[in-house]
N, C-alpha and C. Protein backbone atom coordinates (compact mmCIF):
# COMPACT_ATOMS: atom_id res chain seq x y z
N MET A 1 -11.01 72.38 25.07
CA MET A 1 -12.04 71.34 25.21
C MET A 1 -11.43 70.04 25.76
N LYS A 2 -10.25 69.68 25.26
CA LYS A 2 -9.61 68.45 25.75
C LYS A 2 -9.28 68.56 27.23
N GLN A 3 -8.82 69.76 27.65
CA GLN A 3 -8.48 69.95 29.06
C GLN A 3 -9.71 69.83 29.93
N ALA A 4 -10.84 70.39 29.47
CA ALA A 4 -12.08 70.30 30.23
C ALA A 4 -12.55 68.86 30.34
N ALA A 5 -12.41 68.09 29.26
CA ALA A 5 -12.82 66.69 29.28
C ALA A 5 -11.97 65.89 30.25
N LEU A 6 -10.65 66.20 30.31
CA LEU A 6 -9.77 65.50 31.23
C LEU A 6 -10.15 65.79 32.67
N ILE A 7 -10.47 67.05 32.98
CA ILE A 7 -10.88 67.41 34.33
C ILE A 7 -12.15 66.68 34.72
N LEU A 8 -13.12 66.62 33.81
CA LEU A 8 -14.37 65.92 34.09
C LEU A 8 -14.12 64.44 34.32
N ALA A 9 -13.22 63.85 33.56
CA ALA A 9 -12.91 62.43 33.74
C ALA A 9 -12.29 62.18 35.10
N LEU A 10 -11.41 63.07 35.53
CA LEU A 10 -10.78 62.91 36.84
C LEU A 10 -11.80 63.05 37.95
N LEU A 11 -12.74 63.99 37.80
CA LEU A 11 -13.78 64.17 38.80
C LEU A 11 -14.71 62.98 38.86
N ALA A 12 -14.92 62.34 37.72
CA ALA A 12 -15.82 61.18 37.67
C ALA A 12 -15.17 59.94 38.25
N SER A 13 -13.81 59.95 38.37
CA SER A 13 -13.10 58.79 38.89
C SER A 13 -12.24 59.21 40.08
N PRO A 14 -12.85 59.38 41.26
CA PRO A 14 -12.11 59.86 42.41
C PRO A 14 -10.99 58.91 42.81
N VAL A 15 -9.90 59.49 43.31
CA VAL A 15 -8.75 58.71 43.75
C VAL A 15 -8.81 58.55 45.26
N PHE A 16 -8.62 57.32 45.75
CA PHE A 16 -8.56 57.10 47.18
C PHE A 16 -7.26 56.41 47.51
N ALA A 17 -6.82 56.60 48.74
CA ALA A 17 -5.66 55.87 49.25
C ALA A 17 -5.96 55.54 50.69
N THR A 18 -5.97 54.26 51.02
CA THR A 18 -6.31 53.80 52.36
C THR A 18 -5.15 52.96 52.90
N GLU A 19 -4.67 53.32 54.09
CA GLU A 19 -3.58 52.57 54.74
C GLU A 19 -4.15 51.76 55.89
N VAL A 20 -3.89 50.44 55.89
CA VAL A 20 -4.44 49.53 56.89
C VAL A 20 -3.31 48.69 57.48
N THR A 21 -3.26 48.60 58.81
CA THR A 21 -2.29 47.76 59.51
C THR A 21 -3.02 46.88 60.51
N LEU A 22 -2.68 45.59 60.56
CA LEU A 22 -3.26 44.68 61.54
C LEU A 22 -2.47 44.79 62.84
N LEU A 23 -3.13 45.30 63.90
CA LEU A 23 -2.47 45.49 65.20
C LEU A 23 -2.65 44.30 66.12
N ALA A 24 -3.84 43.67 66.09
CA ALA A 24 -4.11 42.55 67.00
C ALA A 24 -5.25 41.72 66.44
N ALA A 25 -5.25 40.42 66.78
CA ALA A 25 -6.32 39.49 66.39
C ALA A 25 -6.80 38.77 67.64
N MET A 26 -8.11 38.89 67.92
CA MET A 26 -8.68 38.31 69.14
C MET A 26 -9.98 37.59 68.79
N GLY A 27 -9.90 36.27 68.63
CA GLY A 27 -11.09 35.51 68.29
C GLY A 27 -11.63 35.93 66.94
N SER A 28 -12.86 36.46 66.92
CA SER A 28 -13.48 36.91 65.68
C SER A 28 -13.32 38.41 65.47
N LYS A 29 -12.50 39.07 66.32
CA LYS A 29 -12.30 40.51 66.22
C LYS A 29 -10.85 40.84 65.90
N ALA A 30 -10.68 41.88 65.13
CA ALA A 30 -9.34 42.36 64.79
C ALA A 30 -9.27 43.85 65.09
N ILE A 31 -8.12 44.27 65.61
CA ILE A 31 -7.87 45.70 65.79
C ILE A 31 -7.01 46.15 64.61
N LEU A 32 -7.57 47.05 63.83
CA LEU A 32 -6.89 47.56 62.64
C LEU A 32 -6.58 49.03 62.83
N LEU A 33 -5.45 49.45 62.31
CA LEU A 33 -5.11 50.86 62.23
C LEU A 33 -5.46 51.30 60.81
N ILE A 34 -6.53 52.07 60.69
CA ILE A 34 -7.03 52.50 59.38
C ILE A 34 -6.80 54.00 59.24
N ASP A 35 -5.89 54.36 58.35
CA ASP A 35 -5.54 55.77 58.14
C ASP A 35 -5.26 56.48 59.45
N GLY A 36 -4.49 55.78 60.33
CA GLY A 36 -4.06 56.40 61.57
C GLY A 36 -5.02 56.27 62.73
N GLN A 37 -6.20 55.65 62.54
CA GLN A 37 -7.19 55.51 63.60
C GLN A 37 -7.43 54.03 63.91
N LYS A 38 -7.42 53.69 65.21
CA LYS A 38 -7.66 52.31 65.62
C LYS A 38 -9.15 51.99 65.51
N LYS A 39 -9.43 50.85 64.88
CA LYS A 39 -10.81 50.38 64.72
C LYS A 39 -10.86 48.89 65.08
N THR A 40 -11.88 48.49 65.83
CA THR A 40 -12.10 47.09 66.14
C THR A 40 -13.23 46.57 65.27
N LEU A 41 -12.93 45.58 64.43
CA LEU A 41 -13.90 45.03 63.50
C LEU A 41 -14.10 43.55 63.77
N THR A 42 -15.35 43.10 63.67
CA THR A 42 -15.64 41.67 63.67
C THR A 42 -15.68 41.20 62.22
N VAL A 43 -15.56 39.88 62.03
CA VAL A 43 -15.59 39.34 60.67
C VAL A 43 -16.90 39.72 59.99
N GLY A 44 -16.80 40.28 58.82
CA GLY A 44 -17.97 40.73 58.07
C GLY A 44 -18.27 42.20 58.24
N GLN A 45 -17.66 42.84 59.24
CA GLN A 45 -17.92 44.25 59.49
C GLN A 45 -17.06 45.12 58.58
N GLN A 46 -17.58 46.30 58.24
CA GLN A 46 -16.89 47.20 57.32
C GLN A 46 -16.88 48.61 57.88
N VAL A 47 -15.74 49.28 57.72
CA VAL A 47 -15.60 50.69 58.07
C VAL A 47 -15.06 51.40 56.84
N GLY A 48 -15.84 52.31 56.29
CA GLY A 48 -15.42 52.99 55.07
C GLY A 48 -15.20 52.00 53.94
N GLU A 49 -14.00 52.03 53.36
CA GLU A 49 -13.67 51.13 52.25
C GLU A 49 -13.15 49.77 52.74
N VAL A 50 -12.93 49.63 54.07
CA VAL A 50 -12.25 48.46 54.61
C VAL A 50 -13.24 47.50 55.24
N LYS A 51 -13.19 46.22 54.82
CA LYS A 51 -14.04 45.17 55.37
C LYS A 51 -13.17 44.02 55.85
N LEU A 52 -13.45 43.52 57.06
CA LEU A 52 -12.75 42.34 57.58
C LEU A 52 -13.45 41.10 57.04
N VAL A 53 -12.76 40.37 56.18
CA VAL A 53 -13.36 39.22 55.50
C VAL A 53 -13.16 37.94 56.31
N ALA A 54 -11.97 37.74 56.85
CA ALA A 54 -11.67 36.52 57.60
C ALA A 54 -10.56 36.81 58.59
N LEU A 55 -10.49 35.95 59.64
CA LEU A 55 -9.49 36.14 60.68
C LEU A 55 -9.09 34.78 61.22
N SER A 56 -7.78 34.53 61.33
CA SER A 56 -7.32 33.27 61.90
C SER A 56 -5.93 33.46 62.46
N ASN A 57 -5.74 32.97 63.69
CA ASN A 57 -4.43 33.08 64.36
C ASN A 57 -3.94 34.53 64.32
N GLU A 58 -2.84 34.76 63.65
CA GLU A 58 -2.27 36.10 63.62
C GLU A 58 -2.28 36.70 62.22
N GLN A 59 -3.33 36.43 61.48
CA GLN A 59 -3.46 37.02 60.16
C GLN A 59 -4.92 37.32 59.85
N ALA A 60 -5.12 38.28 58.97
CA ALA A 60 -6.47 38.70 58.62
C ALA A 60 -6.56 38.89 57.12
N MET A 61 -7.75 38.62 56.58
CA MET A 61 -8.04 38.92 55.19
C MET A 61 -8.97 40.13 55.18
N VAL A 62 -8.51 41.20 54.54
CA VAL A 62 -9.34 42.40 54.45
C VAL A 62 -9.67 42.68 52.99
N SER A 63 -10.78 43.35 52.80
CA SER A 63 -11.19 43.81 51.48
C SER A 63 -11.20 45.33 51.51
N ILE A 64 -10.47 45.94 50.59
CA ILE A 64 -10.39 47.40 50.51
C ILE A 64 -10.92 47.81 49.15
N ALA A 65 -12.09 48.42 49.17
CA ALA A 65 -12.75 48.83 47.92
C ALA A 65 -12.90 47.66 46.96
N GLY A 66 -13.20 46.47 47.52
CA GLY A 66 -13.46 45.29 46.71
C GLY A 66 -12.24 44.46 46.37
N ARG A 67 -11.06 44.93 46.77
CA ARG A 67 -9.83 44.17 46.50
C ARG A 67 -9.34 43.55 47.79
N GLN A 68 -9.12 42.23 47.77
CA GLN A 68 -8.73 41.52 48.99
C GLN A 68 -7.22 41.48 49.17
N ARG A 69 -6.84 41.53 50.47
CA ARG A 69 -5.41 41.49 50.82
C ARG A 69 -5.26 40.78 52.15
N GLN A 70 -4.27 39.88 52.24
CA GLN A 70 -3.99 39.18 53.50
C GLN A 70 -2.92 39.95 54.26
N LEU A 71 -3.16 40.20 55.56
CA LEU A 71 -2.22 40.91 56.41
C LEU A 71 -1.77 40.02 57.55
N LEU A 72 -0.47 40.00 57.81
CA LEU A 72 0.06 39.36 58.99
C LEU A 72 0.06 40.35 60.14
N LEU A 73 0.19 39.85 61.36
CA LEU A 73 0.20 40.73 62.53
C LEU A 73 1.32 41.75 62.40
N GLY A 74 0.96 43.01 62.53
CA GLY A 74 1.93 44.09 62.42
C GLY A 74 2.19 44.56 61.01
N GLN A 75 1.59 43.88 60.04
CA GLN A 75 1.84 44.21 58.64
C GLN A 75 0.85 45.26 58.16
N GLY A 76 1.34 46.19 57.36
CA GLY A 76 0.49 47.23 56.80
C GLY A 76 0.39 47.13 55.30
N TYR A 77 -0.59 47.84 54.75
CA TYR A 77 -0.82 47.84 53.31
C TYR A 77 -1.49 49.15 52.92
N ILE A 78 -1.07 49.72 51.81
CA ILE A 78 -1.70 50.92 51.28
C ILE A 78 -2.37 50.57 49.97
N ALA A 79 -3.68 50.81 49.89
CA ALA A 79 -4.43 50.56 48.66
C ALA A 79 -4.78 51.90 48.04
N SER A 80 -4.60 52.01 46.75
CA SER A 80 -4.91 53.25 46.05
C SER A 80 -5.61 52.93 44.74
N SER A 81 -6.60 53.76 44.39
CA SER A 81 -7.28 53.59 43.11
C SER A 81 -6.55 54.31 42.00
N LYS A 82 -5.53 55.08 42.38
CA LYS A 82 -4.80 55.82 41.37
C LYS A 82 -3.95 54.88 40.53
N SER A 83 -3.97 55.07 39.24
CA SER A 83 -3.17 54.24 38.36
C SER A 83 -1.70 54.64 38.50
N GLU A 84 -0.87 53.70 38.96
CA GLU A 84 0.54 53.97 39.18
C GLU A 84 1.36 53.02 38.31
N ALA A 85 2.61 53.39 38.07
CA ALA A 85 3.51 52.53 37.29
C ALA A 85 4.11 51.48 38.21
N ASP A 86 3.23 50.60 38.78
CA ASP A 86 3.73 49.64 39.76
C ASP A 86 3.52 48.20 39.33
N THR A 87 3.01 47.96 38.14
CA THR A 87 2.80 46.58 37.71
C THR A 87 3.95 46.06 36.85
N ALA A 88 4.67 46.95 36.23
CA ALA A 88 5.79 46.55 35.38
C ALA A 88 6.70 47.74 35.18
N GLY A 89 7.87 47.45 34.72
CA GLY A 89 8.82 48.54 34.47
C GLY A 89 10.19 48.16 34.97
N GLY A 90 11.12 49.06 34.80
CA GLY A 90 12.46 48.76 35.22
C GLY A 90 13.28 50.01 35.44
N LEU A 91 14.49 49.77 35.96
CA LEU A 91 15.46 50.82 36.20
C LEU A 91 16.76 50.44 35.52
N THR A 92 17.42 51.41 34.95
CA THR A 92 18.76 51.21 34.41
C THR A 92 19.70 52.14 35.15
N LEU A 93 20.67 51.55 35.84
CA LEU A 93 21.56 52.31 36.71
C LEU A 93 22.98 52.29 36.16
N SER A 94 23.62 53.43 36.27
CA SER A 94 25.03 53.55 35.87
C SER A 94 25.89 53.65 37.12
N PRO A 95 27.10 53.11 37.10
CA PRO A 95 27.96 53.15 38.28
C PRO A 95 28.61 54.52 38.45
N ASP A 96 28.99 54.84 39.72
CA ASP A 96 29.79 56.04 39.94
C ASP A 96 31.26 55.71 39.71
N ALA A 97 32.13 56.63 40.04
CA ALA A 97 33.56 56.44 39.76
C ALA A 97 34.15 55.27 40.53
N GLN A 98 33.53 54.91 41.68
CA GLN A 98 34.00 53.78 42.47
C GLN A 98 33.32 52.46 42.11
N GLY A 99 32.42 52.51 41.12
CA GLY A 99 31.74 51.30 40.69
C GLY A 99 30.49 50.98 41.47
N HIS A 100 30.00 51.91 42.31
CA HIS A 100 28.78 51.70 43.09
C HIS A 100 27.55 52.17 42.31
N TYR A 101 26.45 51.50 42.55
CA TYR A 101 25.19 51.86 41.91
C TYR A 101 24.24 52.47 42.95
N TYR A 102 23.61 53.57 42.58
CA TYR A 102 22.72 54.28 43.50
C TYR A 102 21.33 54.42 42.90
N ALA A 103 20.32 54.45 43.79
CA ALA A 103 18.94 54.70 43.37
C ALA A 103 18.24 55.47 44.48
N ASP A 104 17.19 56.19 44.12
CA ASP A 104 16.42 56.95 45.09
C ASP A 104 15.29 56.10 45.65
N ILE A 105 15.19 56.09 46.99
CA ILE A 105 14.10 55.43 47.69
C ILE A 105 13.21 56.51 48.30
N ALA A 106 11.91 56.45 48.05
CA ALA A 106 10.97 57.42 48.60
C ALA A 106 9.92 56.71 49.45
N ILE A 107 9.73 57.20 50.69
CA ILE A 107 8.73 56.69 51.61
C ILE A 107 7.95 57.88 52.14
N ARG A 108 6.63 57.82 52.02
CA ARG A 108 5.76 58.92 52.46
C ARG A 108 6.17 60.25 51.84
N GLY A 109 6.65 60.18 50.60
CA GLY A 109 7.01 61.39 49.88
C GLY A 109 8.39 61.92 50.20
N ILE A 110 9.12 61.28 51.14
CA ILE A 110 10.47 61.70 51.50
C ILE A 110 11.47 60.80 50.79
N SER A 111 12.38 61.43 50.04
CA SER A 111 13.31 60.65 49.22
C SER A 111 14.71 60.65 49.82
N GLN A 112 15.38 59.50 49.73
CA GLN A 112 16.75 59.34 50.17
C GLN A 112 17.53 58.56 49.12
N ARG A 113 18.78 58.94 48.95
CA ARG A 113 19.65 58.23 48.02
C ARG A 113 20.19 56.98 48.70
N GLY A 114 20.12 55.84 48.04
CA GLY A 114 20.62 54.60 48.61
C GLY A 114 21.57 53.90 47.66
N VAL A 115 22.42 53.07 48.22
CA VAL A 115 23.39 52.32 47.41
C VAL A 115 22.91 50.88 47.26
N ILE A 116 23.00 50.35 46.05
CA ILE A 116 22.64 48.95 45.80
C ILE A 116 23.65 48.04 46.48
N ASP A 117 23.14 47.13 47.33
CA ASP A 117 24.02 46.22 48.07
C ASP A 117 23.44 44.81 48.00
N THR A 118 23.95 44.01 47.07
CA THR A 118 23.44 42.65 46.89
C THR A 118 23.83 41.73 48.04
N GLY A 119 24.74 42.18 48.90
CA GLY A 119 25.13 41.38 50.05
C GLY A 119 24.28 41.64 51.29
N ALA A 120 23.40 42.62 51.23
CA ALA A 120 22.54 42.94 52.36
C ALA A 120 21.21 42.22 52.22
N SER A 121 20.73 41.65 53.31
CA SER A 121 19.46 40.90 53.26
C SER A 121 18.27 41.82 53.10
N PHE A 122 18.34 43.02 53.70
CA PHE A 122 17.18 43.91 53.74
C PHE A 122 17.51 45.30 53.21
N LEU A 123 16.48 46.05 52.92
CA LEU A 123 16.61 47.49 52.85
C LEU A 123 17.01 47.94 54.26
N SER A 124 18.13 48.63 54.39
CA SER A 124 18.69 48.92 55.71
C SER A 124 19.06 50.39 55.79
N MET A 125 18.75 51.01 56.93
CA MET A 125 19.03 52.43 57.10
C MET A 125 19.29 52.76 58.56
N PRO A 126 20.08 53.82 58.83
CA PRO A 126 20.25 54.27 60.21
C PRO A 126 18.95 54.88 60.72
N LYS A 127 18.82 54.92 62.06
CA LYS A 127 17.53 55.32 62.64
C LYS A 127 17.16 56.77 62.37
N ASN A 128 18.16 57.66 62.23
CA ASN A 128 17.81 59.05 61.94
C ASN A 128 17.20 59.20 60.55
N VAL A 129 17.65 58.38 59.61
CA VAL A 129 17.06 58.40 58.27
C VAL A 129 15.63 57.86 58.33
N SER A 130 15.42 56.78 59.09
CA SER A 130 14.07 56.22 59.20
C SER A 130 13.12 57.22 59.84
N GLN A 131 13.59 57.97 60.83
CA GLN A 131 12.74 58.97 61.48
C GLN A 131 12.37 60.07 60.51
N SER A 132 13.32 60.49 59.67
CA SER A 132 13.03 61.55 58.70
C SER A 132 12.02 61.10 57.66
N MET A 133 11.91 59.77 57.46
CA MET A 133 10.98 59.24 56.47
C MET A 133 9.67 58.76 57.11
N GLY A 134 9.51 59.02 58.41
CA GLY A 134 8.25 58.70 59.08
C GLY A 134 8.05 57.24 59.43
N ILE A 135 9.14 56.47 59.58
CA ILE A 135 9.03 55.05 59.90
C ILE A 135 9.04 54.87 61.42
N GLU A 136 8.01 54.23 61.95
CA GLU A 136 7.91 53.98 63.40
C GLU A 136 8.69 52.71 63.74
N PHE A 137 10.01 52.83 63.73
CA PHE A 137 10.85 51.63 63.88
C PHE A 137 10.77 51.03 65.29
N SER A 138 10.46 51.85 66.31
CA SER A 138 10.42 51.33 67.67
C SER A 138 9.31 50.32 67.88
N GLN A 139 8.33 50.29 66.95
CA GLN A 139 7.26 49.29 67.01
C GLN A 139 7.65 47.99 66.32
N GLY A 140 8.85 47.96 65.72
CA GLY A 140 9.28 46.76 65.02
C GLY A 140 9.89 45.73 65.95
N GLN A 141 10.31 44.62 65.37
CA GLN A 141 10.91 43.54 66.14
C GLN A 141 12.39 43.82 66.36
N GLU A 142 12.80 43.84 67.62
CA GLU A 142 14.19 44.13 67.94
C GLU A 142 15.08 42.96 67.53
N SER A 143 16.23 43.30 66.98
CA SER A 143 17.13 42.27 66.47
C SER A 143 18.57 42.74 66.62
N ARG A 144 19.50 42.03 66.03
CA ARG A 144 20.91 42.39 66.00
C ARG A 144 21.40 42.33 64.56
N THR A 145 22.25 43.29 64.20
CA THR A 145 22.76 43.37 62.83
C THR A 145 24.28 43.45 62.85
N GLN A 146 24.90 42.66 62.00
CA GLN A 146 26.35 42.69 61.88
C GLN A 146 26.76 43.84 60.95
N THR A 147 27.64 44.73 61.43
CA THR A 147 28.16 45.81 60.61
C THR A 147 29.68 45.74 60.61
N ALA A 148 30.30 46.64 59.84
CA ALA A 148 31.76 46.68 59.79
C ALA A 148 32.36 47.02 61.14
N ASN A 149 31.57 47.69 62.00
CA ASN A 149 32.05 48.09 63.32
C ASN A 149 31.57 47.15 64.42
N GLY A 150 31.04 45.99 64.04
CA GLY A 150 30.58 45.04 65.04
C GLY A 150 29.07 44.85 65.00
N VAL A 151 28.56 44.15 66.00
CA VAL A 151 27.13 43.85 66.07
C VAL A 151 26.42 45.00 66.78
N ILE A 152 25.35 45.50 66.18
CA ILE A 152 24.57 46.58 66.78
C ILE A 152 23.10 46.18 66.85
N LYS A 153 22.35 46.90 67.67
CA LYS A 153 20.91 46.67 67.76
C LYS A 153 20.22 47.20 66.51
N SER A 154 19.16 46.52 66.12
CA SER A 154 18.37 46.97 64.97
C SER A 154 16.92 46.59 65.20
N TRP A 155 16.05 47.10 64.34
CA TRP A 155 14.62 46.79 64.41
C TRP A 155 14.16 46.33 63.02
N GLN A 156 13.42 45.23 62.98
CA GLN A 156 12.87 44.72 61.73
C GLN A 156 11.46 45.25 61.56
N VAL A 157 11.20 45.92 60.45
CA VAL A 157 9.88 46.51 60.19
C VAL A 157 9.45 46.12 58.78
N THR A 158 8.17 46.36 58.49
CA THR A 158 7.66 46.20 57.14
C THR A 158 7.13 47.54 56.67
N ILE A 159 7.62 48.00 55.55
CA ILE A 159 7.20 49.28 54.98
C ILE A 159 6.06 49.01 54.00
N PRO A 160 4.85 49.53 54.29
CA PRO A 160 3.70 49.21 53.44
C PRO A 160 3.87 49.61 51.97
N GLN A 161 4.52 50.74 51.75
CA GLN A 161 4.68 51.20 50.36
C GLN A 161 5.92 52.06 50.26
N LEU A 162 6.70 51.80 49.23
CA LEU A 162 7.84 52.67 48.94
C LEU A 162 8.01 52.75 47.43
N ARG A 163 8.75 53.76 47.04
CA ARG A 163 9.03 53.94 45.62
C ARG A 163 10.55 53.88 45.42
N ILE A 164 10.97 53.08 44.46
CA ILE A 164 12.37 53.08 44.04
C ILE A 164 12.38 53.62 42.62
N GLY A 165 13.01 54.77 42.44
CA GLY A 165 12.88 55.44 41.16
C GLY A 165 11.41 55.75 40.90
N PRO A 166 10.87 55.38 39.73
CA PRO A 166 9.46 55.63 39.44
C PRO A 166 8.53 54.47 39.83
N LEU A 167 9.07 53.41 40.43
CA LEU A 167 8.31 52.18 40.62
C LEU A 167 7.88 52.00 42.07
N LEU A 168 6.65 51.54 42.26
CA LEU A 168 6.10 51.29 43.59
C LEU A 168 6.31 49.84 44.00
N LEU A 169 6.68 49.64 45.26
CA LEU A 169 6.76 48.31 45.87
C LEU A 169 5.92 48.33 47.14
N TYR A 170 5.33 47.18 47.47
CA TYR A 170 4.45 47.09 48.63
C TYR A 170 5.01 46.07 49.63
N ASN A 171 4.78 46.38 50.92
CA ASN A 171 5.12 45.46 52.02
C ASN A 171 6.57 44.97 51.93
N VAL A 172 7.48 45.90 52.05
CA VAL A 172 8.91 45.62 51.91
C VAL A 172 9.55 45.48 53.30
N PRO A 173 10.11 44.32 53.64
CA PRO A 173 10.84 44.18 54.91
C PRO A 173 12.06 45.11 54.92
N ALA A 174 12.31 45.71 56.09
CA ALA A 174 13.44 46.63 56.21
C ALA A 174 14.05 46.49 57.59
N SER A 175 15.31 46.90 57.70
CA SER A 175 16.03 46.89 58.96
C SER A 175 16.47 48.31 59.28
N VAL A 176 16.16 48.75 60.51
CA VAL A 176 16.58 50.07 60.98
C VAL A 176 17.70 49.88 61.98
N ARG A 177 18.87 50.46 61.68
CA ARG A 177 20.05 50.27 62.50
C ARG A 177 20.13 51.30 63.62
N ASP A 178 20.56 50.87 64.78
CA ASP A 178 20.67 51.75 65.95
C ASP A 178 21.96 52.56 65.85
N GLN A 179 21.99 53.42 64.85
CA GLN A 179 23.13 54.31 64.64
C GLN A 179 22.64 55.50 63.80
N ASP A 180 23.39 56.57 63.81
CA ASP A 180 23.01 57.77 63.07
C ASP A 180 23.97 58.08 61.93
N ASN A 181 24.66 57.05 61.47
CA ASN A 181 25.54 57.26 60.32
C ASN A 181 25.50 56.02 59.44
N GLY A 182 26.22 56.11 58.36
CA GLY A 182 26.22 55.00 57.41
C GLY A 182 25.16 55.22 56.34
N PRO A 183 25.33 54.56 55.20
CA PRO A 183 24.43 54.78 54.07
C PRO A 183 23.12 54.01 54.20
N LEU A 184 22.15 54.42 53.40
CA LEU A 184 20.95 53.62 53.20
C LEU A 184 21.32 52.52 52.20
N LEU A 185 21.14 51.28 52.61
CA LEU A 185 21.52 50.13 51.77
C LEU A 185 20.27 49.54 51.12
N ILE A 186 20.29 49.41 49.82
CA ILE A 186 19.17 48.79 49.10
C ILE A 186 19.52 47.33 48.92
N GLY A 187 19.03 46.51 49.87
CA GLY A 187 19.38 45.09 49.89
C GLY A 187 18.33 44.23 49.21
N ASN A 188 18.39 42.93 49.52
CA ASN A 188 17.61 41.95 48.76
C ASN A 188 16.11 41.97 49.03
N SER A 189 15.63 42.56 50.14
CA SER A 189 14.19 42.66 50.32
C SER A 189 13.57 43.58 49.27
N VAL A 190 14.40 44.45 48.67
CA VAL A 190 13.98 45.25 47.51
C VAL A 190 14.40 44.57 46.21
N LEU A 191 15.65 44.14 46.16
CA LEU A 191 16.20 43.63 44.90
C LEU A 191 15.54 42.34 44.44
N ASN A 192 15.00 41.54 45.40
CA ASN A 192 14.37 40.29 44.97
C ASN A 192 13.03 40.52 44.27
N ARG A 193 12.58 41.76 44.22
CA ARG A 193 11.38 42.08 43.43
C ARG A 193 11.71 42.30 41.95
N PHE A 194 12.99 42.18 41.60
CA PHE A 194 13.44 42.47 40.25
C PHE A 194 14.23 41.31 39.65
N GLN A 195 14.17 41.21 38.34
CA GLN A 195 15.13 40.42 37.59
C GLN A 195 16.32 41.34 37.32
N ILE A 196 17.53 40.90 37.67
CA ILE A 196 18.70 41.77 37.58
C ILE A 196 19.66 41.22 36.53
N LYS A 197 20.11 42.10 35.69
CA LYS A 197 21.12 41.70 34.70
C LYS A 197 22.06 42.86 34.44
N ARG A 198 23.23 42.54 33.93
CA ARG A 198 24.23 43.55 33.59
C ARG A 198 24.42 43.59 32.08
N GLU A 199 24.53 44.79 31.56
CA GLU A 199 24.90 45.00 30.17
C GLU A 199 26.06 45.97 30.16
N GLN A 200 27.26 45.43 29.93
CA GLN A 200 28.50 46.19 30.06
C GLN A 200 28.56 46.78 31.47
N GLU A 201 28.64 48.12 31.62
CA GLU A 201 28.73 48.69 32.96
C GLU A 201 27.36 49.00 33.56
N LEU A 202 26.29 48.80 32.82
CA LEU A 202 24.95 49.14 33.29
C LEU A 202 24.36 48.01 34.13
N LEU A 203 23.60 48.38 35.17
CA LEU A 203 22.85 47.43 35.98
C LEU A 203 21.37 47.65 35.68
N ILE A 204 20.71 46.61 35.18
CA ILE A 204 19.32 46.73 34.75
C ILE A 204 18.44 45.92 35.70
N LEU A 205 17.47 46.60 36.31
CA LEU A 205 16.51 45.97 37.22
C LEU A 205 15.15 45.97 36.56
N GLN A 206 14.65 44.79 36.22
CA GLN A 206 13.33 44.65 35.59
C GLN A 206 12.35 44.13 36.61
N LYS A 207 11.30 44.88 36.86
CA LYS A 207 10.37 44.53 37.94
C LYS A 207 9.58 43.28 37.63
N LYS A 208 9.53 42.37 38.61
CA LYS A 208 8.67 41.19 38.51
C LYS A 208 7.23 41.62 38.72
N ASN A 209 6.30 40.80 38.28
CA ASN A 209 4.88 41.11 38.46
C ASN A 209 4.41 40.66 39.83
N TYR A 210 3.91 41.61 40.63
CA TYR A 210 3.33 41.34 41.94
C TYR A 210 1.96 41.98 41.98
N GLN A 211 1.05 41.41 42.82
CA GLN A 211 -0.26 42.02 43.01
C GLN A 211 -0.09 43.29 43.83
């Protein structure tokens, strides 16, 4: 009986997930990428769960299933009605034999092991890793990154949603390096979402509260 009641409750509360990216802003119209499809909306217009509430310069305010979110040009966002452990929580990491701390980063369901690097400004990865995780890095802003082997080309992107361990983070800046080797670095664009403290050899990351 309890199992049947749980199934009925889930059916009564459907789960949705909508991904929206602002591609362009033109006067009172915005071009949005909604779940992979380009849509042109005027202010006040709605497509499915997504409504364009306001538009100015290179940013838009959208409402997704009644929840408002501001998007910058090129910025994406994933809204889900599913209850996730993304409002609070933490990670406790133990060092390896060399004293390095590792955590799993998952994007679009693809997980990669990354090393905690407090000296890195961004979540940083080689381009082959980004491709395996479905990141369209070529659409990002081209830049230059200093590495141990010199300055290389890179692309600055924003990842709408990722998971570190069991915790969800939204709109995380990342750098994709123009190389096919080297580790995935978990830098400060991820770490600044946490309060960080050490207890003996343990590294404890306590998630800050974000909308």
